[in-house]
Amino acid sequence: MKILIFTVTAGEGHNSMAKALIEQIRAEAGEAAEIEVVDIFKAYASKFKFRVIDRGYLLLCRRFMWLYNWVFRSQQRRDPKKWKRSPAQWYIRKEAPKILEKIREFQPDAIMCTHFSPAMVLTNLRETQEIPAKVCEILFDFVVHPFWECTTGVDVIFTPNEVFTAELIKKGFRPEQILPLGQPVRAAFSRRMPKAEARAALGLEERFTVMVMLGGGGMGGGKKILKQLLKVKAPLQILMVNGRDSRGQAQIERFLSRTQTSHLVKNYGFVTNVDVMMEAADCLVGKCGGVSVNESLNKDLPMVLIEHLAEQERQNRKFLLEHNAALGVTKDRPLTAVIEEAAGNPELLAKLRTGIAGIKKPEACRDIARWIVGEPFSPPETSEEAAGEPAPKADISDEPSAQDRT
């Protein structure tokens, strides 16, 4: 079986999903699967365009997040029936002929899109060209982004939860196109390890452990979060995971060299054992990207979510808070207070894990891979079936935040 995966480098989340699928497809189909991955803008666009797409998002979020969020929300409100006049259409026109050429050359049995851009190209192409492969895409976050109305020509869209079915139907999808199987992450995040074993493997002590992970895109903020955590009265073990943000890691290292604290702080750079660290932690402080959220959910790890976020992450945050699967930091309830309560309240963490159980789909990668290779699988339970009764609300309020202005 020949499988073509189209991805986009705009951060590493979409590529991460592609890698997870490759790993799982090979586990399901073995050598019978011939897989090729194409980063459509890296392969087919100019170097300038690729850099704009790759780095432009980070630049906007770092300097002009209020503008990025305003554009995101305004595009979400566009009439889905006018998808052919969407502003997203212009920036994939030059790549469309090369994508079609690749499909004809490779002749895939299945095509997977981890970003809306290639799915939009395939929707346009299918109006005039025969593409016999089964085509699928993944809704990357816990939100229906702008421009998904331009991708209704796919055979299937995999979504993280049944909640989004109604909105996707409004966007023009048919009910039979929508499969709420979840979002794929690497198999390591579906395997479990006892907390004591994980801490022993990392050389950690037995105390309340907070993992801080803001992504490796150089967004910064780790030092500021660490300063707040050091004000917590309860004894903490803090794992700072900086990813590829070597500058942020160095800033934290300098800060620690001149700071006395009774808390234990481990300052990591890029690591390959995030799955083990999540098992060792009691909670994760961070942003709210689709991949890290699903990794945390699969590990039953409660998240403490900061407030200054890109719009899709803000909406991810809202979804998790509404389903009692995370805690939110606000101006009225700063990080120090949230961690202080979490560290001294096992019942609160238990409630959050109950909320997580109602929305996580730890076998998503396996189920999606089996759909791609054509193997049968049992239909997933709905969130209500999986969780029994709705999860009780955690006693932490989170009022809608004001529009970002910095």
Foldseek 3Di string as FASTA:
>chain_A
DEEEEEEAQQACLLVQLVVQLVVLLCVVPPPVYHYDYDHQCVPFNDPVVNCCRRCVVLVCLQPPLLVLQVVFVVLLPDQLVVLVPDPLVVVCVRSLVVVVVVCVVRVGQEYEYADVSVLLSVQVCVVPDDRNHQYEYEPQFQDDTGNNLSRQSHQAYEYLAPVCQVVVVSSPHDSNRYAPQHGGHHLLLLDADALVVLCVVVVHDPAAEEEEDAGQPQSADQQVVVVLQQPAPGAYEYEYERENNVVNLVVNVVVVVPDDGPHHYDRHYHDDVVSSVLNNHQAYEYFAGRHVVLSNLSHLHEYEHEDSYRNSRNVSVVVLLVLLQYHYADPVRHPSNVVNCVRVDVPSSVLNSLSSQLRHNSCSSNCVSCVNVVHDDDRDDHSCVRNPHRGDHRPHDDDDDDRDDD
